[in-house]
Amino acid sequence: MKKLFFLLIVFLAVSCSTEGPRKPAASGKAGEMLVVMNTTKWEGFAGDVVRDVFSSYVPMLPQAEPQFNLFQIAPDAFAKLFETHRNILFVEFDPTLEKGKIEARRDQWSYPQMVIKVITPNEDVLQRIMENNRESFINYYLGQERQRMINAYKRMINHQARTAINEKLKLDLAVPEGYFVAKEAENFIWLRQTGTRDDLDLGLMITVLPYKDPAVDFDHEVIWARRDSITKLHIPGTFDNTWMTTYPDIPPVFKEINFNDLYAVEARGLWKVANDHMGGPFINITFVDEKNSRLINLDGFVYAPKYDKRDYLRQVEALMYSVKVYNEEEETEDIPIGNEENPGVVS
């Protein structure tokens, strides 16, 4: 089958800062996406194609939860009221086109905001566009969700916890109020937020190790074993002879990622307390501080048996993505260039 080439239009947006540009604050709930497309199309095959991508389940959660909560309006209903929504997807059909188009903008009408427009001649092309760009689309929207949370964290810093991380681990983290240092050890800090709700606990372990051999340090089995050794040593359960461990019967899912412009390996999985019945999801990210020849391991986890966990895990993930090697110089963000199968968005 002949390969389809998609025309990409990349728009340069203003650079991000804690305060952001002089635009209204983005509206909408966390994880919510506004889909602007013909209602008849939405209720048919084209809507199924969109839902297959954005309502797909978040991997490695104890219960099925979608990537985004979608709500749809017709194009003629898209008024100024909706322009500030945090995540917007436009799907337009133009049978005069020979090829599909993807337009992507950050912060078009509000801040932080992600707007993607897909213009397609027919439903078959729409399906190919969505499938070829599935992961990229999701990552662009999630990237803005993370930035929104990081911006909020920077406005309510817990300076005591931040200073402890600076001094002990030579890392900088946008630790917000509500988190506290639950444990310190050599090359290790456990941040914790217990919240005001019963049975809600968010945690982040930060571990610094010598960087020796990338073939070993980033090996999936090594990362898994490293996590279990750290949690057994530092994260006890409620009762004697109990500790956190990775759920043994459901292996973590590993993938290589771009972590703040650094190569990293991400692991997502489920944890449990050995010899007890507590458990929940976790995300583990391993990357290198090359300047200081250190391996940095971040592990965020959630305990929330009474609640959906997607948004809580994303809150912890945003905290992880706020990390910087202490005193490192700020670098200008490169603008990726897209190709026919990758929208390569935006800055």
C-alpha atoms as a PDB file:
ATOM      1  CA  MET A   1       0.000   0.000   0.000  1.00  0.00           C
ATOM      2  CA  LYS A   2       1.346   3.381  -1.004  1.00  0.00           C
ATOM      3  CA  LYS A   3       2.677   5.346   1.938  1.00  0.00           C
ATOM      4  CA  LEU A   4       0.683   8.440   2.745  1.00  0.00           C
ATOM      5  CA  PHE A   5       2.546  11.708   3.238  1.00  0.00           C
ATOM      6  CA  PHE A   6       1.053  14.183   5.634  1.00  0.00           C
ATOM      7  CA  LEU A   7       1.689  17.891   5.406  1.00  0.00           C
ATOM      8  CA  LEU A   8       2.903  19.305   8.681  1.00  0.00           C
ATOM      9  CA  ILE A   9       2.578  22.928   9.634  1.00  0.00           C
ATOM     10  CA  VAL A  10       4.625  23.810  12.696  1.00  0.00           C
ATOM     11  CA  PHE A  11       3.843  26.985  14.584  1.00  0.00           C
ATOM     12  CA  LEU A  12       6.387  28.526  16.914  1.00  0.00           C
ATOM     13  CA  ALA A  13       4.931  29.546  20.236  1.00  0.00           C
ATOM     14  CA  VAL A  14       6.302  31.840  22.885  1.00  0.00           C
ATOM     15  CA  SER A  15       8.788  30.259  25.255  1.00  0.00           C
ATOM     16  CA  CYS A  16       7.512  28.823  28.509  1.00  0.00           C
ATOM     17  CA  SER A  17       8.171  30.320  31.912  1.00  0.00           C
ATOM     18  CA  THR A  18       6.738  29.859  35.364  1.00  0.00           C
ATOM     19  CA  GLU A  19       4.389  32.816  34.860  1.00  0.00           C
ATOM     20  CA  GLY A  20       3.757  32.138  31.194  1.00  0.00           C
ATOM     21  CA  PRO A  21       2.807  34.564  28.461  1.00  0.00           C
ATOM     22  CA  ARG A  22       0.155  37.204  28.908  1.00  0.00           C
ATOM     23  CA  LYS A  23      -2.741  34.914  28.053  1.00  0.00           C
ATOM     24  CA  PRO A  24      -5.664  33.641  30.123  1.00  0.00           C
ATOM     25  CA  ALA A  25      -5.028  30.634  32.320  1.00  0.00           C
ATOM     26  CA  ALA A  26      -6.108  27.419  30.658  1.00  0.00           C
ATOM     27  CA  SER A  27      -9.458  26.083  31.810  1.00  0.00           C
ATOM     28  CA  GLY A  28     -10.839  22.577  32.136  1.00  0.00           C
ATOM     29  CA  LYS A  29     -10.239  19.679  34.484  1.00  0.00           C
ATOM     30  CA  ALA A  30      -7.075  17.589  34.599  1.00  0.00           C
ATOM     31  CA  GLY A  31      -7.118  14.917  31.908  1.00  0.00           C
ATOM     32  CA  GLU A  32     -10.010  16.508  30.053  1.00  0.00           C
ATOM     33  CA  MET A  33     -10.001  17.005  26.262  1.00  0.00           C
ATOM     34  CA  LEU A  34     -12.362  19.005  24.066  1.00  0.00           C
ATOM     35  CA  VAL A  35     -12.958  17.422  20.638  1.00  0.00           C
ATOM     36  CA  VAL A  36     -14.341  19.747  17.981  1.00  0.00           C
ATOM     37  CA  MET A  37     -15.784  17.777  15.062  1.00  0.00           C
ATOM     38  CA  ASN A  38     -18.999  17.110  13.158  1.00  0.00           C
ATOM     39  CA  THR A  39     -21.469  15.381  15.479  1.00  0.00           C
ATOM     40  CA  THR A  40     -22.540  12.791  12.905  1.00  0.00           C
ATOM     41  CA  LYS A  41     -18.898  11.909  12.311  1.00  0.00           C
ATOM     42  CA  TRP A  42     -18.294  11.763  16.070  1.00  0.00           C
ATOM     43  CA  GLU A  43     -21.118   9.278  16.514  1.00  0.00           C
ATOM     44  CA  GLY A  44     -19.784   7.042  13.733  1.00  0.00           C
ATOM     45  CA  PHE A  45     -16.527   5.456  12.604  1.00  0.00           C
ATOM     46  CA  ALA A  46     -14.499   8.703  12.764  1.00  0.00           C
ATOM     47  CA  GLY A  47     -15.444   9.161  16.412  1.00  0.00           C
ATOM     48  CA  ASP A  48     -14.420   5.576  17.129  1.00  0.00           C
ATOM     49  CA  VAL A  49     -11.004   6.311  15.591  1.00  0.00           C
ATOM     50  CA  VAL A  50     -10.500   9.318  17.879  1.00  0.00           C
ATOM     51  CA  ARG A  51     -11.752   7.472  20.933  1.00  0.00           C
ATOM     52  CA  ASP A  52      -9.494   4.511  20.172  1.00  0.00           C
ATOM     53  CA  VAL A  53      -6.497   6.824  20.665  1.00  0.00           C
ATOM     54  CA  PHE A  54      -7.493   9.251  23.394  1.00  0.00           C
ATOM     55  CA  SER A  55      -9.826   7.009  25.405  1.00  0.00           C
ATOM     56  CA  SER A  56      -7.348   4.136  25.371  1.00  0.00           C
ATOM     57  CA  TYR A  57      -6.445   2.906  28.819  1.00  0.00           C
ATOM     58  CA  VAL A  58      -3.477   4.247  30.741  1.00  0.00           C
ATOM     59  CA  PRO A  59      -1.007   1.362  31.041  1.00  0.00           C
ATOM     60  CA  MET A  60      -0.333  -0.349  34.340  1.00  0.00           C
ATOM     61  CA  LEU A  61      -3.075   1.028  36.536  1.00  0.00           C
ATOM     62  CA  PRO A  62      -5.006  -1.295  38.870  1.00  0.00           C
ATOM     63  CA  GLN A  63      -8.310  -0.238  37.279  1.00  0.00           C
ATOM     64  CA  ALA A  64      -9.091   0.731  33.690  1.00  0.00           C
ATOM     65  CA  GLU A  65      -8.800   4.514  33.304  1.00  0.00           C
ATOM     66  CA  PRO A  66      -8.708   6.425  29.983  1.00  0.00           C
ATOM     67  CA  GLN A  67      -5.837   8.619  28.840  1.00  0.00           C
ATOM     68  CA  PHE A  68      -8.304  11.530  28.584  1.00  0.00           C
ATOM     69  CA  ASN A  69     -11.920  12.255  29.417  1.00  0.00           C
ATOM     70  CA  LEU A  70     -13.396  13.395  26.105  1.00  0.00           C
ATOM     71  CA  PHE A  71     -16.308  15.686  25.404  1.00  0.00           C
ATOM     72  CA  GLN A  72     -17.323  16.747  21.911  1.00  0.00           C
ATOM     73  CA  ILE A  73     -18.937  19.801  20.388  1.00  0.00           C
ATOM     74  CA  ALA A  74     -19.808  20.633  16.784  1.00  0.00           C
ATOM     75  CA  PRO A  75     -17.596  23.189  14.979  1.00  0.00           C
ATOM     76  CA  ASP A  76     -20.373  25.792  14.851  1.00  0.00           C
ATOM     77  CA  ALA A  77     -20.680  25.546  18.643  1.00  0.00           C
ATOM     78  CA  PHE A  78     -17.012  26.381  19.214  1.00  0.00           C
ATOM     79  CA  ALA A  79     -17.267  29.871  20.701  1.00  0.00           C
ATOM     80  CA  LYS A  80     -14.798  32.067  22.574  1.00  0.00           C
ATOM     81  CA  LEU A  81     -15.925  30.397  25.777  1.00  0.00           C
ATOM     82  CA  PHE A  82     -14.150  27.208  24.701  1.00  0.00           C
ATOM     83  CA  GLU A  83     -10.927  28.805  23.442  1.00  0.00           C
ATOM     84  CA  THR A  84      -9.213  28.660  26.825  1.00  0.00           C
ATOM     85  CA  HIS A  85      -9.691  24.912  27.292  1.00  0.00           C
ATOM     86  CA  ARG A  86      -6.429  23.202  28.186  1.00  0.00           C
ATOM     87  CA  ASN A  87      -6.555  20.415  25.572  1.00  0.00           C
ATOM     88  CA  ILE A  88      -8.332  20.874  22.234  1.00  0.00           C
ATOM     89  CA  LEU A  89      -8.483  18.540  19.241  1.00  0.00           C
ATOM     90  CA  PHE A  90     -10.031  19.745  15.974  1.00  0.00           C
ATOM     91  CA  VAL A  91     -10.986  17.156  13.363  1.00  0.00           C
ATOM     92  CA  GLU A  92     -12.045  18.605  10.009  1.00  0.00           C
ATOM     93  CA  PHE A  93     -13.021  16.874   6.771  1.00  0.00           C
ATOM     94  CA  ASP A  94     -12.137  18.428   3.399  1.00  0.00           C
ATOM     95  CA  PRO A  95     -12.738  16.053   0.458  1.00  0.00           C
ATOM     96  CA  THR A  96     -10.845  18.392  -1.898  1.00  0.00           C
ATOM     97  CA  LEU A  97      -7.543  17.540  -0.189  1.00  0.00           C
ATOM     98  CA  GLU A  98      -5.214  14.905  -1.573  1.00  0.00           C
ATOM     99  CA  LYS A  99      -3.297  14.510   1.678  1.00  0.00           C
ATOM    100  CA  GLY A 100      -3.976  14.932   5.344  1.00  0.00           C
ATOM    101  CA  LYS A 101      -2.732  17.906   7.343  1.00  0.00           C
ATOM    102  CA  ILE A 102      -1.674  18.217  10.957  1.00  0.00           C
ATOM    103  CA  GLU A 103      -1.446  21.602  12.650  1.00  0.00           C
ATOM    104  CA  ALA A 104      -0.193  21.872  16.200  1.00  0.00           C
ATOM    105  CA  ARG A 105       0.105  24.847  18.509  1.00  0.00           C
ATOM    106  CA  ARG A 106       1.011  25.376  22.105  1.00  0.00           C
ATOM    107  CA  ASP A 107      -0.622  28.206  24.046  1.00  0.00           C
ATOM    108  CA  GLN A 108      -2.768  29.439  21.140  1.00  0.00           C
ATOM    109  CA  TRP A 109      -5.491  31.076  23.228  1.00  0.00           C
ATOM    110  CA  SER A 110      -4.495  30.298  26.839  1.00  0.00           C
ATOM    111  CA  TYR A 111      -1.541  29.051  28.882  1.00  0.00           C
ATOM    112  CA  PRO A 112      -0.511  26.266  29.151  1.00  0.00           C
ATOM    113  CA  GLN A 113      -2.567  24.856  26.274  1.00  0.00           C
ATOM    114  CA  MET A 114      -2.201  22.220  23.561  1.00  0.00           C
ATOM    115  CA  VAL A 115      -4.214  22.535  20.342  1.00  0.00           C
ATOM    116  CA  ILE A 116      -3.968  19.996  17.521  1.00  0.00           C
ATOM    117  CA  LYS A 117      -5.948  20.213  14.292  1.00  0.00           C
ATOM    118  CA  VAL A 118      -6.269  17.253  11.942  1.00  0.00           C
ATOM    119  CA  ILE A 119      -7.627  18.056   8.484  1.00  0.00           C
ATOM    120  CA  THR A 120      -8.380  14.983   6.408  1.00  0.00           C
ATOM    121  CA  PRO A 121     -10.035  14.149   3.081  1.00  0.00           C
ATOM    122  CA  ASN A 122     -11.820  11.084   4.464  1.00  0.00           C
ATOM    123  CA  GLU A 123     -12.129   8.670   7.362  1.00  0.00           C
ATOM    124  CA  ASP A 124      -9.522   6.223   6.055  1.00  0.00           C
ATOM    125  CA  VAL A 125      -6.868   8.943   6.054  1.00  0.00           C
ATOM    126  CA  LEU A 126      -8.005  10.058   9.514  1.00  0.00           C
ATOM    127  CA  GLN A 127      -7.484   6.528  10.788  1.00  0.00           C
ATOM    128  CA  ARG A 128      -3.952   6.407   9.373  1.00  0.00           C
ATOM    129  CA  ILE A 129      -3.066   9.807  10.808  1.00  0.00           C
ATOM    130  CA  MET A 130      -4.315   8.851  14.251  1.00  0.00           C
ATOM    131  CA  GLU A 131      -2.569   5.485  14.234  1.00  0.00           C
ATOM    132  CA  ASN A 132       0.753   6.843  12.915  1.00  0.00           C
ATOM    133  CA  ASN A 133       0.774   9.647  15.494  1.00  0.00           C
ATOM    134  CA  ARG A 134      -0.946   7.928  18.424  1.00  0.00           C
ATOM    135  CA  GLU A 135       1.939   8.115  20.872  1.00  0.00           C
ATOM    136  CA  SER A 136       3.108  11.562  19.726  1.00  0.00           C
ATOM    137  CA  PHE A 137      -0.354  13.105  20.107  1.00  0.00           C
ATOM    138  CA  ILE A 138      -0.795  11.672  23.600  1.00  0.00           C
ATOM    139  CA  ASN A 139       2.690  12.797  24.632  1.00  0.00           C
ATOM    140  CA  TYR A 140       2.119  16.376  23.418  1.00  0.00           C
ATOM    141  CA  TYR A 141      -1.047  16.732  25.457  1.00  0.00           C
ATOM    142  CA  LEU A 142       0.490  15.054  28.506  1.00  0.00           C
ATOM    143  CA  GLY A 143       3.558  17.281  28.207  1.00  0.00           C
ATOM    144  CA  GLN A 144       1.365  20.350  28.589  1.00  0.00           C
ATOM    145  CA  GLU A 145      -0.492  18.732  31.481  1.00  0.00           C
ATOM    146  CA  ARG A 146       2.843  18.191  33.229  1.00  0.00           C
ATOM    147  CA  GLN A 147       3.992  21.738  32.526  1.00  0.00           C
ATOM    148  CA  ARG A 148       0.773  23.074  34.018  1.00  0.00           C
ATOM    149  CA  MET A 149       1.383  21.141  37.226  1.00  0.00           C
ATOM    150  CA  ILE A 150       5.069  22.088  37.399  1.00  0.00           C
ATOM    151  CA  ASN A 151       4.119  25.756  37.052  1.00  0.00           C
ATOM    152  CA  ALA A 152       1.706  25.351  39.951  1.00  0.00           C
ATOM    153  CA  TYR A 153       4.340  23.591  42.068  1.00  0.00           C
ATOM    154  CA  LYS A 154       6.797  26.444  41.505  1.00  0.00           C
ATOM    155  CA  ARG A 155       4.303  28.890  42.989  1.00  0.00           C
ATOM    156  CA  MET A 156       4.090  26.989  46.296  1.00  0.00           C
ATOM    157  CA  ILE A 157       7.562  25.593  46.943  1.00  0.00           C
ATOM    158  CA  ASN A 158       8.349  23.731  50.144  1.00  0.00           C
ATOM    159  CA  HIS A 159      11.736  25.361  50.660  1.00  0.00           C
ATOM    160  CA  GLN A 160      12.765  23.069  53.507  1.00  0.00           C
ATOM    161  CA  ALA A 161      12.320  19.906  51.420  1.00  0.00           C
ATOM    162  CA  ARG A 162      13.852  21.538  48.357  1.00  0.00           C
ATOM    163  CA  THR A 163      16.919  22.605  50.324  1.00  0.00           C
ATOM    164  CA  ALA A 164      17.352  19.097  51.725  1.00  0.00           C
ATOM    165  CA  ILE A 165      17.421  17.675  48.195  1.00  0.00           C
ATOM    166  CA  ASN A 166      19.819  20.401  47.016  1.00  0.00           C
ATOM    167  CA  GLU A 167      22.277  19.802  49.823  1.00  0.00           C
ATOM    168  CA  LYS A 168      22.112  16.024  50.071  1.00  0.00           C
ATOM    169  CA  LEU A 169      21.707  14.941  46.448  1.00  0.00           C
ATOM    170  CA  LYS A 170      22.827  18.023  44.464  1.00  0.00           C
ATOM    171  CA  LEU A 171      19.520  18.016  42.608  1.00  0.00           C
ATOM    172  CA  ASP A 172      16.827  20.653  42.301  1.00  0.00           C
ATOM    173  CA  LEU A 173      13.163  19.693  42.464  1.00  0.00           C
ATOM    174  CA  ALA A 174      10.024  21.830  42.475  1.00  0.00           C
ATOM    175  CA  VAL A 175       8.689  20.264  45.675  1.00  0.00           C
ATOM    176  CA  PRO A 176       5.323  21.850  46.514  1.00  0.00           C
ATOM    177  CA  GLU A 177       3.810  22.402  49.917  1.00  0.00           C
ATOM    178  CA  GLY A 178       2.090  19.262  51.116  1.00  0.00           C
ATOM    179  CA  TYR A 179       5.120  17.061  50.497  1.00  0.00           C
ATOM    180  CA  PHE A 180       7.623  16.421  53.259  1.00  0.00           C
ATOM    181  CA  VAL A 181      10.861  14.488  53.645  1.00  0.00           C
ATOM    182  CA  ALA A 182       9.744  11.176  55.112  1.00  0.00           C
ATOM    183  CA  LYS A 183      13.212   9.604  55.170  1.00  0.00           C
ATOM    184  CA  GLU A 184      16.813  10.511  54.418  1.00  0.00           C
ATOM    185  CA  ALA A 185      19.666   8.069  53.989  1.00  0.00           C
ATOM    186  CA  GLU A 186      22.963   8.033  52.149  1.00  0.00           C
ATOM    187  CA  ASN A 187      22.251   9.089  48.551  1.00  0.00           C
ATOM    188  CA  PHE A 188      18.519   8.679  49.162  1.00  0.00           C
ATOM    189  CA  ILE A 189      15.462  10.820  49.980  1.00  0.00           C
ATOM    190  CA  TRP A 190      11.824   9.759  50.229  1.00  0.00           C
ATOM    191  CA  LEU A 191       9.286  12.546  49.671  1.00  0.00           C
ATOM    192  CA  ARG A 192       5.774  11.915  50.837  1.00  0.00           C
ATOM    193  CA  GLN A 193       2.361  13.563  50.669  1.00  0.00           C
ATOM    194  CA  THR A 194      -0.299  11.998  52.840  1.00  0.00           C
ATOM    195  CA  GLY A 195      -3.007  14.581  52.147  1.00  0.00           C
ATOM    196  CA  THR A 196      -6.182  15.230  54.061  1.00  0.00           C
ATOM    197  CA  ARG A 197      -8.117  12.243  52.687  1.00  0.00           C
ATOM    198  CA  ASP A 198      -7.979   8.854  54.322  1.00  0.00           C
ATOM    199  CA  ASP A 199      -6.072   6.189  52.399  1.00  0.00           C
ATOM    200  CA  LEU A 200      -4.276   8.623  50.103  1.00  0.00           C
ATOM    201  CA  ASP A 201      -0.491   8.571  49.936  1.00  0.00           C
ATOM    202  CA  LEU A 202       1.763   9.928  47.186  1.00  0.00           C
ATOM    203  CA  GLY A 203       5.466   9.178  47.292  1.00  0.00           C
ATOM    204  CA  LEU A 204       8.671   9.893  45.408  1.00  0.00           C
ATOM    205  CA  MET A 205      11.954   8.106  46.046  1.00  0.00           C
ATOM    206  CA  ILE A 206      15.130   9.785  44.779  1.00  0.00           C
ATOM    207  CA  THR A 207      18.234   7.591  44.693  1.00  0.00           C
ATOM    208  CA  VAL A 208      21.709   8.548  43.463  1.00  0.00           C
ATOM    209  CA  LEU A 209      24.103   5.782  42.415  1.00  0.00           C
ATOM    210  CA  PRO A 210      27.500   5.569  40.699  1.00  0.00           C
ATOM    211  CA  TYR A 211      27.240   5.443  36.911  1.00  0.00           C
ATOM    212  CA  LYS A 212      29.258   2.475  35.686  1.00  0.00           C
ATOM    213  CA  ASP A 213      28.081   0.751  32.518  1.00  0.00           C
ATOM    214  CA  PRO A 214      25.038   1.779  30.449  1.00  0.00           C
ATOM    215  CA  ALA A 215      24.533  -1.792  29.265  1.00  0.00           C
ATOM    216  CA  VAL A 216      24.060  -2.804  32.894  1.00  0.00           C
ATOM    217  CA  ASP A 217      22.649   0.340  34.496  1.00  0.00           C
ATOM    218  CA  PHE A 218      19.762   0.560  32.002  1.00  0.00           C
ATOM    219  CA  ASP A 219      19.086  -3.155  31.737  1.00  0.00           C
ATOM    220  CA  HIS A 220      15.426  -3.825  32.481  1.00  0.00           C
ATOM    221  CA  GLU A 221      16.047  -6.681  34.881  1.00  0.00           C
ATOM    222  CA  VAL A 222      18.645  -4.596  36.712  1.00  0.00           C
ATOM    223  CA  ILE A 223      16.229  -1.661  37.046  1.00  0.00           C
ATOM    224  CA  TRP A 224      13.533  -3.987  38.388  1.00  0.00           C
ATOM    225  CA  ALA A 225      15.908  -5.604  40.913  1.00  0.00           C
ATOM    226  CA  ARG A 226      17.292  -2.176  41.888  1.00  0.00           C
ATOM    227  CA  ARG A 227      13.803  -0.902  42.608  1.00  0.00           C
ATOM    228  CA  ASP A 228      12.963  -3.872  44.818  1.00  0.00           C
ATOM    229  CA  SER A 229      16.210  -3.551  46.761  1.00  0.00           C
ATOM    230  CA  ILE A 230      15.583   0.171  47.387  1.00  0.00           C
ATOM    231  CA  THR A 231      11.960  -0.275  48.477  1.00  0.00           C
ATOM    232  CA  LYS A 232      12.787  -3.202  50.764  1.00  0.00           C
ATOM    233  CA  LEU A 233      15.462  -1.128  52.458  1.00  0.00           C
ATOM    234  CA  HIS A 234      13.570   2.157  52.740  1.00  0.00           C
ATOM    235  CA  ILE A 235       9.771   1.744  52.367  1.00  0.00           C
ATOM    236  CA  PRO A 236       8.357  -0.350  55.221  1.00  0.00           C
ATOM    237  CA  GLY A 237       4.780  -1.553  55.470  1.00  0.00           C
ATOM    238  CA  THR A 238       2.456  -0.951  58.382  1.00  0.00           C
ATOM    239  CA  PHE A 239       3.347  -4.158  60.193  1.00  0.00           C
ATOM    240  CA  ASP A 240       6.538  -6.034  61.045  1.00  0.00           C
ATOM    241  CA  ASN A 241       8.128  -7.985  58.201  1.00  0.00           C
ATOM    242  CA  THR A 242       6.271  -5.988  55.521  1.00  0.00           C
ATOM    243  CA  TRP A 243       7.777  -3.761  52.830  1.00  0.00           C
ATOM    244  CA  MET A 244       7.054  -2.396  49.370  1.00  0.00           C
ATOM    245  CA  THR A 245       7.909  -4.594  46.398  1.00  0.00           C
ATOM    246  CA  THR A 246       7.052  -4.761  42.712  1.00  0.00           C
ATOM    247  CA  TYR A 247       4.043  -6.959  42.028  1.00  0.00           C
ATOM    248  CA  PRO A 248       5.778 -10.239  41.129  1.00  0.00           C
ATOM    249  CA  ASP A 249       3.164 -11.685  38.748  1.00  0.00           C
ATOM    250  CA  ILE A 250       2.798  -8.567  36.568  1.00  0.00           C
ATOM    251  CA  PRO A 251       6.179  -7.448  35.171  1.00  0.00           C
ATOM    252  CA  PRO A 252       6.712  -3.706  34.678  1.00  0.00           C
ATOM    253  CA  VAL A 253       6.445  -2.228  31.192  1.00  0.00           C
ATOM    254  CA  PHE A 254       9.718  -0.617  30.077  1.00  0.00           C
ATOM    255  CA  LYS A 255      10.414   1.912  27.338  1.00  0.00           C
ATOM    256  CA  GLU A 256      13.095   4.405  26.332  1.00  0.00           C
ATOM    257  CA  ILE A 257      11.983   8.026  26.690  1.00  0.00           C
ATOM    258  CA  ASN A 258      13.164  11.591  26.251  1.00  0.00           C
ATOM    259  CA  PHE A 259      13.322  12.861  29.820  1.00  0.00           C
ATOM    260  CA  ASN A 260      13.960  16.616  29.848  1.00  0.00           C
ATOM    261  CA  ASP A 261      16.131  16.183  26.732  1.00  0.00           C
ATOM    262  CA  LEU A 262      18.052  13.308  28.313  1.00  0.00           C
ATOM    263  CA  TYR A 263      18.001   9.631  27.449  1.00  0.00           C
ATOM    264  CA  ALA A 264      16.125   7.678  30.104  1.00  0.00           C
ATOM    265  CA  VAL A 265      14.413   4.364  30.675  1.00  0.00           C
ATOM    266  CA  GLU A 266      10.911   4.453  32.100  1.00  0.00           C
ATOM    267  CA  ALA A 267       9.267   1.550  33.905  1.00  0.00           C
ATOM    268  CA  ARG A 268       5.580   1.491  34.773  1.00  0.00           C
ATOM    269  CA  GLY A 269       4.119  -1.170  36.955  1.00  0.00           C
ATOM    270  CA  LEU A 270       2.228  -2.162  40.058  1.00  0.00           C
ATOM    271  CA  TRP A 271       3.579  -2.379  43.584  1.00  0.00           C
ATOM    272  CA  LYS A 272       2.362  -4.265  46.617  1.00  0.00           C
ATOM    273  CA  VAL A 273       3.359  -4.618  50.225  1.00  0.00           C
ATOM    274  CA  ALA A 274       4.979  -7.973  50.887  1.00  0.00           C
ATOM    275  CA  ASN A 275       3.007  -9.993  53.454  1.00  0.00           C
ATOM    276  CA  ASP A 276       0.143  -7.489  53.367  1.00  0.00           C
ATOM    277  CA  HIS A 277      -2.665  -6.356  51.045  1.00  0.00           C
ATOM    278  CA  MET A 278      -1.736  -2.770  50.139  1.00  0.00           C
ATOM    279  CA  GLY A 279      -0.785  -1.833  46.571  1.00  0.00           C
ATOM    280  CA  GLY A 280      -0.982   0.656  43.714  1.00  0.00           C
ATOM    281  CA  PRO A 281       0.773   1.943  40.565  1.00  0.00           C
ATOM    282  CA  PHE A 282       4.301   3.302  40.183  1.00  0.00           C
ATOM    283  CA  ILE A 283       6.473   4.991  37.571  1.00  0.00           C
ATOM    284  CA  ASN A 284      10.248   4.626  37.649  1.00  0.00           C
ATOM    285  CA  ILE A 285      12.651   6.781  35.595  1.00  0.00           C
ATOM    286  CA  THR A 286      16.407   6.173  35.333  1.00  0.00           C
ATOM    287  CA  PHE A 287      18.752   8.723  33.765  1.00  0.00           C
ATOM    288  CA  VAL A 288      22.372   9.861  33.972  1.00  0.00           C
ATOM    289  CA  ASP A 289      23.992  12.993  35.377  1.00  0.00           C
ATOM    290  CA  GLU A 290      26.946  12.756  33.003  1.00  0.00           C
ATOM    291  CA  LYS A 291      28.745  15.779  34.412  1.00  0.00           C
ATOM    292  CA  ASN A 292      29.091  14.061  37.767  1.00  0.00           C
ATOM    293  CA  SER A 293      29.050  10.420  36.541  1.00  0.00           C
ATOM    294  CA  ARG A 294      25.952   9.643  38.583  1.00  0.00           C
ATOM    295  CA  LEU A 295      22.954   7.455  37.894  1.00  0.00           C
ATOM    296  CA  ILE A 296      19.720   9.106  39.056  1.00  0.00           C
ATOM    297  CA  ASN A 297      16.717   6.930  39.832  1.00  0.00           C
ATOM    298  CA  LEU A 298      13.317   8.508  40.441  1.00  0.00           C
ATOM    299  CA  ASP A 299      10.415   6.350  41.572  1.00  0.00           C
ATOM    300  CA  GLY A 300       6.945   7.788  42.114  1.00  0.00           C
ATOM    301  CA  PHE A 301       4.075   5.760  43.517  1.00  0.00           C
ATOM    302  CA  VAL A 302       0.463   6.185  44.569  1.00  0.00           C
ATOM    303  CA  TYR A 303      -1.673   4.546  47.232  1.00  0.00           C
ATOM    304  CA  ALA A 304      -5.311   5.512  46.763  1.00  0.00           C
ATOM    305  CA  PRO A 305      -7.549   2.442  47.098  1.00  0.00           C
ATOM    306  CA  LYS A 306     -10.762   4.486  47.188  1.00  0.00           C
ATOM    307  CA  TYR A 307     -10.020   6.715  44.210  1.00  0.00           C
ATOM    308  CA  ASP A 308      -9.080   6.723  40.557  1.00  0.00           C
ATOM    309  CA  LYS A 309      -5.308   6.876  40.303  1.00  0.00           C
ATOM    310  CA  ARG A 310      -4.509   8.342  36.872  1.00  0.00           C
ATOM    311  CA  ASP A 311      -4.393  11.977  37.930  1.00  0.00           C
ATOM    312  CA  TYR A 312      -2.582  11.272  41.206  1.00  0.00           C
ATOM    313  CA  LEU A 313       0.143   9.369  39.350  1.00  0.00           C
ATOM    314  CA  ARG A 314       0.435  12.225  36.842  1.00  0.00           C
ATOM    315  CA  GLN A 315       0.896  14.656  39.725  1.00  0.00           C
ATOM    316  CA  VAL A 316       3.832  12.602  40.996  1.00  0.00           C
ATOM    317  CA  GLU A 317       5.171  12.269  37.447  1.00  0.00           C
ATOM    318  CA  ALA A 318       5.131  16.057  37.044  1.00  0.00           C
ATOM    319  CA  LEU A 319       7.179  16.356  40.238  1.00  0.00           C
ATOM    320  CA  MET A 320       9.689  13.919  38.743  1.00  0.00           C
ATOM    321  CA  TYR A 321       9.907  15.932  35.508  1.00  0.00           C
ATOM    322  CA  SER A 322      10.723  19.100  37.466  1.00  0.00           C
ATOM    323  CA  VAL A 323      14.124  17.665  38.425  1.00  0.00           C
ATOM    324  CA  LYS A 324      17.351  19.404  37.413  1.00  0.00           C
ATOM    325  CA  VAL A 325      20.945  18.709  38.238  1.00  0.00           C
ATOM    326  CA  TYR A 326      21.840  21.300  40.868  1.00  0.00           C
ATOM    327  CA  ASN A 327      23.128  24.584  39.424  1.00  0.00           C
ATOM    328  CA  GLU A 328      23.029  23.332  35.854  1.00  0.00           C
ATOM    329  CA  GLU A 329      22.669  26.104  33.284  1.00  0.00           C
ATOM    330  CA  GLU A 330      19.365  26.603  31.544  1.00  0.00           C
ATOM    331  CA  GLU A 331      19.381  25.511  27.920  1.00  0.00           C
ATOM    332  CA  THR A 332      17.253  26.786  25.072  1.00  0.00           C
ATOM    333  CA  GLU A 333      14.714  24.206  23.955  1.00  0.00           C
ATOM    334  CA  ASP A 334      15.239  22.863  20.447  1.00  0.00           C
ATOM    335  CA  ILE A 335      12.264  22.857  18.129  1.00  0.00           C
ATOM    336  CA  PRO A 336      11.772  19.354  16.723  1.00  0.00           C
ATOM    337  CA  ILE A 337      11.182  19.014  13.007  1.00  0.00           C
ATOM    338  CA  GLY A 338       8.280  16.865  11.906  1.00  0.00           C
ATOM    339  CA  ASN A 339       8.032  14.315   9.153  1.00  0.00           C
ATOM    340  CA  GLU A 340       5.224  12.627   7.306  1.00  0.00           C
ATOM    341  CA  GLU A 341       4.497  10.253  10.181  1.00  0.00           C
ATOM    342  CA  ASN A 342       5.313  12.495  13.121  1.00  0.00           C
ATOM    343  CA  PRO A 343       3.817  15.930  13.753  1.00  0.00           C
ATOM    344  CA  GLY A 344       7.036  16.947  15.469  1.00  0.00           C
ATOM    345  CA  VAL A 345       5.275  19.849  17.106  1.00  0.00           C
ATOM    346  CA  VAL A 346       5.793  23.120  18.423  1.00  0.00           C
ATOM    347  CA  SER A 347       7.818  24.693  21.066  1.00  0.00           C
END
